[in-house]
């Protein structure tokens, strides 16, 4: 094993540990946030008589499930550490690229904002975003 291979393996481990710690923090914030929100949603369902089909509580459950799928805490271990494909991994790669190439910062930041707005918008995860009109002609 060459020195370069050892160095890249070492940095890969440091990178993977850092990404895992960030994902753990995101999961912890999600869990701490969902505790009071889920209790409030359940209280609303009880207050409005929705205990047979709890609308608000199940909405919180779906939101938590979507967030956990996007964070994909254990995805790197399952997919092999070389090809992570979760949403959080994509954001982390974008942030790493910004740090490595600071000259591309403004353009990458705009791309990251557009991506985050599209991913965090409420609605069906499987639906593509609506097509935007690019012409100003009225028809």
Protein backbone atom coordinates (compact mmCIF):
# COMPACT_ATOMS: atom_id res chain seq x y z
CA UNK A 1 0.00 0.00 0.00
CA UNK A 2 1.51 3.31 -1.03
CA UNK A 3 1.66 6.43 1.11
CA UNK A 4 -0.87 8.16 -1.17
CA UNK A 5 -3.34 5.27 -0.79
CA UNK A 6 -2.93 5.32 3.01
CA UNK A 7 -3.51 9.08 3.04
CA UNK A 8 -6.64 8.90 0.89
CA UNK A 9 -8.01 6.04 3.01
CA UNK A 10 -7.28 8.00 6.17
CA UNK A 11 -9.02 11.11 4.83
CA UNK A 12 -11.94 9.00 3.64
CA UNK A 13 -12.38 7.69 7.19
CA UNK A 14 -12.18 11.23 8.62
CA UNK A 15 -14.73 12.37 6.03
CA UNK A 16 -17.09 9.48 6.76
CA UNK A 17 -16.88 10.08 10.51
CA UNK A 18 -17.58 13.81 10.06
CA UNK A 19 -20.59 13.16 7.80
CA UNK A 20 -21.91 10.53 10.21
CA UNK A 21 -21.62 12.93 13.15
CA UNK A 22 -23.47 15.64 11.25
CA UNK A 23 -26.21 13.17 10.32
CA UNK A 24 -26.45 12.03 13.96
CA UNK A 25 -26.87 15.65 14.99
CA UNK A 26 -29.58 16.16 12.40
CA UNK A 27 -31.41 13.04 13.62
CA UNK A 28 -31.14 14.25 17.22
CA UNK A 29 -32.57 17.68 16.34
CA UNK A 30 -35.35 15.97 14.39
CA UNK A 31 -36.19 13.68 17.31
CA UNK A 32 -36.13 16.50 19.86
CA UNK A 33 -38.35 18.60 17.62
CA UNK A 34 -40.82 15.83 16.89
CA UNK A 35 -41.47 15.04 20.56
CA UNK A 36 -43.47 18.21 21.35
CA UNK A 37 -44.86 18.53 17.82
CA UNK A 38 -46.26 14.99 17.86
CA UNK A 39 -47.81 15.54 21.29
CA UNK A 40 -49.40 18.78 20.12
CA UNK A 41 -50.69 17.10 16.95
CA UNK A 42 -52.20 14.26 18.97
CA UNK A 43 -53.82 16.80 21.30
CA UNK A 44 -55.31 18.61 18.29
CA UNK A 45 -56.70 15.35 16.95
CA UNK A 46 -58.25 14.59 20.33
CA UNK A 47 -59.60 18.12 20.68
CA UNK A 48 -61.22 18.12 17.22
CA UNK A 49 -62.55 14.58 17.53
CA UNK A 50 -60.18 12.97 15.03
CA UNK A 51 -59.17 10.06 17.29
CA UNK A 52 -60.52 7.42 14.88
CA UNK A 53 -58.48 8.79 11.97
CA UNK A 54 -55.84 11.09 13.47
CA UNK A 55 -55.11 13.61 10.74
CA UNK A 56 -52.53 15.83 12.44
CA UNK A 57 -50.62 13.10 14.24
CA UNK A 58 -50.29 11.00 11.08
CA UNK A 59 -49.10 14.08 9.18
CA UNK A 60 -46.32 14.46 11.76
CA UNK A 61 -45.44 10.77 11.34
CA UNK A 62 -45.22 11.14 7.55
CA UNK A 63 -43.07 14.26 7.93
CA UNK A 64 -40.70 12.44 10.30
CA UNK A 65 -40.49 9.48 7.93
CA UNK A 66 -39.64 11.76 4.98
CA UNK A 67 -36.96 13.52 7.01
CA UNK A 68 -35.36 10.28 8.14
CA UNK A 69 -35.36 8.98 4.57
CA UNK A 70 -33.61 12.14 3.42
CA UNK A 71 -31.03 12.06 6.22
CA UNK A 72 -30.38 8.34 5.57
CA UNK A 73 -28.17 7.88 8.63
CA UNK A 74 -27.13 4.31 7.84
CA UNK A 75 -27.05 4.64 4.05
CA UNK A 76 -23.28 4.89 3.74
CA UNK A 77 -22.81 1.55 5.50
CA UNK A 78 -25.41 -0.18 3.36
CA UNK A 79 -24.36 1.25 0.00
CA UNK A 80 -20.65 1.13 0.62
CA UNK A 81 -18.94 4.30 1.73
CA UNK A 82 -17.95 5.29 -1.79
CA UNK A 83 -21.35 5.99 -3.32
CA UNK A 84 -23.76 7.64 -0.87
CA UNK A 85 -26.96 8.78 -2.54
CA UNK A 86 -29.17 10.32 0.13
CA UNK A 87 -30.27 13.93 0.00
CA UNK A 88 -28.07 14.86 2.94
CA UNK A 89 -25.08 13.22 1.26
CA UNK A 90 -25.71 15.33 -1.84
CA UNK A 91 -25.79 18.48 0.29
CA UNK A 92 -22.59 17.44 2.06
CA UNK A 93 -20.86 16.90 -1.31
CA UNK A 94 -21.98 20.37 -2.42
CA UNK A 95 -20.64 21.92 0.77
CA UNK A 96 -17.34 20.07 0.34
CA UNK A 97 -17.06 21.35 -3.24
CA UNK A 98 -17.71 24.89 -2.01
CA UNK A 99 -14.92 24.52 0.54
CA UNK A 100 -12.50 23.10 -2.03
CA UNK A 101 -13.35 25.63 -4.77
CA UNK A 102 -14.40 28.88 -3.08
CA UNK A 103 -14.49 30.78 -6.40
CA UNK A 104 -17.62 28.89 -7.44
CA UNK A 105 -19.39 29.82 -4.20
CA UNK A 106 -22.18 32.16 -5.38
CA UNK A 107 -23.32 29.89 -8.22
CA UNK A 108 -23.18 26.75 -6.08
CA UNK A 109 -25.02 28.52 -3.27
CA UNK A 110 -27.84 29.44 -5.67
CA UNK A 111 -27.99 25.83 -6.87
CA UNK A 112 -28.06 24.58 -3.28
CA UNK A 113 -30.89 26.99 -2.38
CA UNK A 114 -32.95 25.89 -5.39
CA UNK A 115 -32.36 22.25 -4.56
CA UNK A 116 -33.31 22.76 -0.90
CA UNK A 117 -36.45 24.69 -1.83
CA UNK A 118 -37.50 21.92 -4.18
CA UNK A 119 -36.77 19.11 -1.70
CA UNK A 120 -38.26 20.82 1.34
CA UNK A 121 -41.43 21.98 -0.37
CA UNK A 122 -44.48 20.27 1.06
CA UNK A 123 -46.21 17.77 -1.16
CA UNK A 124 -45.71 14.43 -2.77
CA UNK A 125 -42.06 13.35 -2.89
CA UNK A 126 -42.56 11.42 -6.12
CA UNK A 127 -44.11 14.31 -8.06
CA UNK A 128 -41.74 16.27 -10.31
CA UNK A 129 -41.75 20.04 -9.82
CA UNK A 130 -44.14 21.93 -12.10
CA UNK A 131 -42.65 23.24 -15.31
CA UNK A 132 -41.84 26.93 -15.20
CA UNK A 133 -42.79 29.19 -18.03
CA UNK A 134 -39.81 30.90 -19.57
CA UNK A 135 -41.50 33.06 -22.17
CA UNK A 136 -43.30 36.32 -21.42
CA UNK A 137 -45.69 36.08 -24.34
CA UNK A 138 -49.33 35.92 -23.39
CA UNK A 139 -51.23 33.23 -25.14
